[in-house]
PDB file of N, CA and C in Angstrom:
ATOM      1  N   MET A   1      -0.818  29.280  18.768  1.00  0.00           N
ATOM      2  CA  MET A   1      -0.304  29.038  17.430  1.00  0.00           C
ATOM      3  C   MET A   1       0.493  27.733  17.391  1.00  0.00           C
ATOM      4  N   PHE A   2       1.253  27.451  18.446  1.00  0.00           N
ATOM      5  CA  PHE A   2       2.071  26.239  18.485  1.00  0.00           C
ATOM      6  C   PHE A   2       1.186  24.993  18.472  1.00  0.00           C
ATOM      7  N   LYS A   3       0.054  25.045  19.216  1.00  0.00           N
ATOM      8  CA  LYS A   3      -0.866  23.905  19.244  1.00  0.00           C
ATOM      9  C   LYS A   3      -1.461  23.671  17.861  1.00  0.00           C
ATOM     10  N   ARG A   4      -1.752  24.743  17.168  1.00  0.00           N
ATOM     11  CA  ARG A   4      -2.319  24.622  15.820  1.00  0.00           C
ATOM     12  C   ARG A   4      -1.306  23.975  14.876  1.00  0.00           C
ATOM     13  N   THR A   5      -0.049  24.359  14.984  1.00  0.00           N
ATOM     14  CA  THR A   5       1.006  23.782  14.146  1.00  0.00           C
ATOM     15  C   THR A   5       1.138  22.289  14.407  1.00  0.00           C
ATOM     16  N   ILE A   6       1.101  21.907  15.675  1.00  0.00           N
ATOM     17  CA  ILE A   6       1.197  20.486  16.014  1.00  0.00           C
ATOM     18  C   ILE A   6      -0.026  19.737  15.489  1.00  0.00           C
ATOM     19  N   ALA A   7      -1.202  20.325  15.604  1.00  0.00           N
ATOM     20  CA  ALA A   7      -2.422  19.682  15.120  1.00  0.00           C
ATOM     21  C   ALA A   7      -2.367  19.481  13.607  1.00  0.00           C
ATOM     22  N   VAL A   8      -1.924  20.483  12.884  1.00  0.00           N
ATOM     23  CA  VAL A   8      -1.812  20.375  11.428  1.00  0.00           C
ATOM     24  C   VAL A   8      -0.786  19.310  11.054  1.00  0.00           C
ATOM     25  N   ALA A   9       0.331  19.279  11.756  1.00  0.00           N
ATOM     26  CA  ALA A   9       1.358  18.271  11.483  1.00  0.00           C
ATOM     27  C   ALA A   9       0.820  16.873  11.758  1.00  0.00           C
ATOM     28  N   PHE A  10       0.084  16.701  12.848  1.00  0.00           N
ATOM     29  CA  PHE A  10      -0.484  15.401  13.196  1.00  0.00           C
ATOM     30  C   PHE A  10      -1.471  14.928  12.134  1.00  0.00           C
ATOM     31  N   VAL A  11      -2.352  15.808  11.706  1.00  0.00           N
ATOM     32  CA  VAL A  11      -3.332  15.449  10.673  1.00  0.00           C
ATOM     33  C   VAL A  11      -2.626  15.105   9.367  1.00  0.00           C
ATOM     34  N   SER A  12      -1.627  15.872   9.006  1.00  0.00           N
ATOM     35  CA  SER A  12      -0.883  15.608   7.770  1.00  0.00           C
ATOM     36  C   SER A  12      -0.191  14.255   7.823  1.00  0.00           C
ATOM     37  N   LEU A  13       0.467  13.959   8.926  1.00  0.00           N
ATOM     38  CA  LEU A  13       1.145  12.667   9.067  1.00  0.00           C
ATOM     39  C   LEU A  13       0.147  11.513   9.077  1.00  0.00           C
ATOM     40  N   SER A  14      -1.007  11.726   9.680  1.00  0.00           N
ATOM     41  CA  SER A  14      -2.040  10.688   9.691  1.00  0.00           C
ATOM     42  C   SER A  14      -2.527  10.396   8.278  1.00  0.00           C
ATOM     43  N   LEU A  15      -2.752  11.440   7.504  1.00  0.00           N
ATOM     44  CA  LEU A  15      -3.194  11.244   6.120  1.00  0.00           C
ATOM     45  C   LEU A  15      -2.128  10.531   5.291  1.00  0.00           C
ATOM     46  N   LEU A  16      -0.875  10.892   5.494  1.00  0.00           N
ATOM     47  CA  LEU A  16       0.209  10.213   4.782  1.00  0.00           C
ATOM     48  C   LEU A  16       0.281   8.742   5.160  1.00  0.00           C
ATOM     49  N   ALA A  17       0.087   8.433   6.429  1.00  0.00           N
ATOM     50  CA  ALA A  17       0.133   7.042   6.883  1.00  0.00           C
ATOM     51  C   ALA A  17      -0.988   6.232   6.246  1.00  0.00           C
ATOM     52  N   VAL A  18      -2.189   6.791   6.197  1.00  0.00           N
ATOM     53  CA  VAL A  18      -3.321   6.086   5.588  1.00  0.00           C
ATOM     54  C   VAL A  18      -3.074   5.883   4.101  1.00  0.00           C
ATOM     55  N   THR A  19      -2.566   6.880   3.435  1.00  0.00           N
ATOM     56  CA  THR A  19      -2.272   6.775   2.007  1.00  0.00           C
ATOM     57  C   THR A  19      -1.202   5.729   1.755  1.00  0.00           C
ATOM     58  N   ALA A  20      -0.178   5.714   2.580  1.00  0.00           N
ATOM     59  CA  ALA A  20       0.900   4.736   2.418  1.00  0.00           C
ATOM     60  C   ALA A  20       0.372   3.326   2.613  1.00  0.00           C
ATOM     61  N   CYS A  21      -0.510   3.129   3.580  1.00  0.00           N
ATOM     62  CA  CYS A  21      -1.075   1.795   3.811  1.00  0.00           C
ATOM     63  C   CYS A  21      -1.856   1.333   2.588  1.00  0.00           C
ATOM     64  N   ASN A  22      -2.651   2.223   2.015  1.00  0.00           N
ATOM     65  CA  ASN A  22      -3.416   1.845   0.829  1.00  0.00           C
ATOM     66  C   ASN A  22      -2.493   1.554  -0.344  1.00  0.00           C
ATOM     67  N   THR A  23      -1.418   2.297  -0.472  1.00  0.00           N
ATOM     68  CA  THR A  23      -0.469   2.071  -1.559  1.00  0.00           C
ATOM     69  C   THR A  23       0.220   0.722  -1.394  1.00  0.00           C
ATOM     70  N   VAL A  24       0.636   0.406  -0.186  1.00  0.00           N
ATOM     71  CA  VAL A  24       1.302  -0.873   0.076  1.00  0.00           C
ATOM     72  C   VAL A  24       0.330  -2.020  -0.141  1.00  0.00           C
ATOM     73  N   GLU A  25      -0.911  -1.844   0.278  1.00  0.00           N
ATOM     74  CA  GLU A  25      -1.914  -2.891   0.074  1.00  0.00           C
ATOM     75  C   GLU A  25      -2.121  -3.139  -1.416  1.00  0.00           C
ATOM     76  N   GLY A  26      -2.206  -2.085  -2.199  1.00  0.00           N
ATOM     77  CA  GLY A  26      -2.373  -2.228  -3.647  1.00  0.00           C
ATOM     78  C   GLY A  26      -1.181  -2.902  -4.290  1.00  0.00           C
ATOM     79  N   ALA A  27       0.013  -2.539  -3.851  1.00  0.00           N
ATOM     80  CA  ALA A  27       1.221  -3.175  -4.385  1.00  0.00           C
ATOM     81  C   ALA A  27       1.237  -4.647  -4.016  1.00  0.00           C
ATOM     82  N   GLY A  28       0.815  -4.979  -2.815  1.00  0.00           N
ATOM     83  CA  GLY A  28       0.750  -6.377  -2.394  1.00  0.00           C
ATOM     84  C   GLY A  28      -0.213  -7.173  -3.247  1.00  0.00           C
ATOM     85  N   LYS A  29      -1.339  -6.582  -3.586  1.00  0.00           N
ATOM     86  CA  LYS A  29      -2.304  -7.269  -4.454  1.00  0.00           C
ATOM     87  C   LYS A  29      -1.716  -7.479  -5.841  1.00  0.00           C
ATOM     88  N   ASP A  30      -0.999  -6.488  -6.365  1.00  0.00           N
ATOM     89  CA  ASP A  30      -0.379  -6.614  -7.682  1.00  0.00           C
ATOM     90  C   ASP A  30       0.656  -7.729  -7.695  1.00  0.00           C
ATOM     91  N   VAL A  31       1.485  -7.790  -6.659  1.00  0.00           N
ATOM     92  CA  VAL A  31       2.520  -8.825  -6.578  1.00  0.00           C
ATOM     93  C   VAL A  31       1.870 -10.193  -6.437  1.00  0.00           C
ATOM     94  N   SER A  32       0.829 -10.274  -5.646  1.00  0.00           N
ATOM     95  CA  SER A  32       0.116 -11.541  -5.464  1.00  0.00           C
ATOM     96  C   SER A  32      -0.500 -12.005  -6.778  1.00  0.00           C
ATOM     97  N   SER A  33      -1.074 -11.086  -7.514  1.00  0.00           N
ATOM     98  CA  SER A  33      -1.668 -11.412  -8.808  1.00  0.00           C
ATOM     99  C   SER A  33      -0.607 -11.894  -9.790  1.00  0.00           C
ATOM    100  N   ALA A  34       0.528 -11.242  -9.809  1.00  0.00           N
ATOM    101  CA  ALA A  34       1.620 -11.653 -10.695  1.00  0.00           C
ATOM    102  C   ALA A  34       2.128 -13.036 -10.298  1.00  0.00           C
ATOM    103  N   GLY A  35       2.220 -13.300  -9.002  1.00  0.00           N
ATOM    104  CA  GLY A  35       2.655 -14.613  -8.527  1.00  0.00           C
ATOM    105  C   GLY A  35       1.696 -15.707  -8.950  1.00  0.00           C
ATOM    106  N   ARG A  36       0.406 -15.437  -8.877  1.00  0.00           N
ATOM    107  CA  ARG A  36      -0.591 -16.414  -9.326  1.00  0.00           C
ATOM    108  C   ARG A  36      -0.464 -16.670 -10.819  1.00  0.00           C
ATOM    109  N   ALA A  37      -0.224 -15.632 -11.587  1.00  0.00           N
ATOM    110  CA  ALA A  37      -0.081 -15.795 -13.035  1.00  0.00           C
ATOM    111  C   ALA A  37       1.130 -16.659 -13.362  1.00  0.00           C
ATOM    112  N   VAL A  38       2.238 -16.442 -12.681  1.00  0.00           N
ATOM    113  CA  VAL A  38       3.440 -17.253 -12.906  1.00  0.00           C
ATOM    114  C   VAL A  38       3.177 -18.696 -12.497  1.00  0.00           C
ATOM    115  N   SER A  39       2.511 -18.875 -11.372  1.00  0.00           N
ATOM    116  CA  SER A  39       2.192 -20.224 -10.896  1.00  0.00           C
ATOM    117  C   SER A  39       1.272 -20.945 -11.878  1.00  0.00           C
ATOM    118  N   ASP A  40       0.273 -20.256 -12.385  1.00  0.00           N
ATOM    119  CA  ASP A  40      -0.639 -20.860 -13.366  1.00  0.00           C
ATOM    120  C   ASP A  40       0.102 -21.223 -14.646  1.00  0.00           C
ATOM    121  N   ALA A  41       0.991 -20.360 -15.090  1.00  0.00           N
ATOM    122  CA  ALA A  41       1.765 -20.638 -16.303  1.00  0.00           C
ATOM    123  C   ALA A  41       2.659 -21.856 -16.091  1.00  0.00           C
ATOM    124  N   ALA A  42       3.237 -21.981 -14.910  1.00  0.00           N
ATOM    125  CA  ALA A  42       4.085 -23.139 -14.612  1.00  0.00           C
ATOM    126  C   ALA A  42       3.252 -24.413 -14.584  1.00  0.00           C
ATOM    127  N   ASP A  43       2.055 -24.340 -14.015  1.00  0.00           N
ATOM    128  CA  ASP A  43       1.176 -25.512 -13.985  1.00  0.00           C
ATOM    129  C   ASP A  43       0.749 -25.917 -15.391  1.00  0.00           C
ATOM    130  N   ASP A  44       0.491 -24.939 -16.248  1.00  0.00           N
ATOM    131  CA  ASP A  44       0.065 -25.224 -17.621  1.00  0.00           C
ATOM    132  C   ASP A  44       1.178 -25.861 -18.440  1.00  0.00           C
ATOM    133  N   SER A  45       2.416 -25.575 -18.124  1.00  0.00           N
ATOM    134  CA  SER A  45       3.521 -26.097 -18.925  1.00  0.00           C
ATOM    135  C   SER A  45       3.941 -27.505 -18.497  1.00  0.00           C
ATOM    136  N   LYS A  46       3.360 -28.040 -17.448  1.00  0.00           N
ATOM    137  CA  LYS A  46       3.710 -29.394 -16.983  1.00  0.00           C
ATOM    138  C   LYS A  46       3.169 -30.452 -17.909  1.00  0.00           C
TER     139      LYS A  46
END
């Protein structure tokens, strides 16, 4: 039973880690996109 508990905990933590990586990657893309928009707006106002 103890091995099963550890296995379930390991799988759960692995899934959380993968989900967190995808979330951070998506947030990074959003921030990058916003930065490009600000940069383009600054270039247009010159």
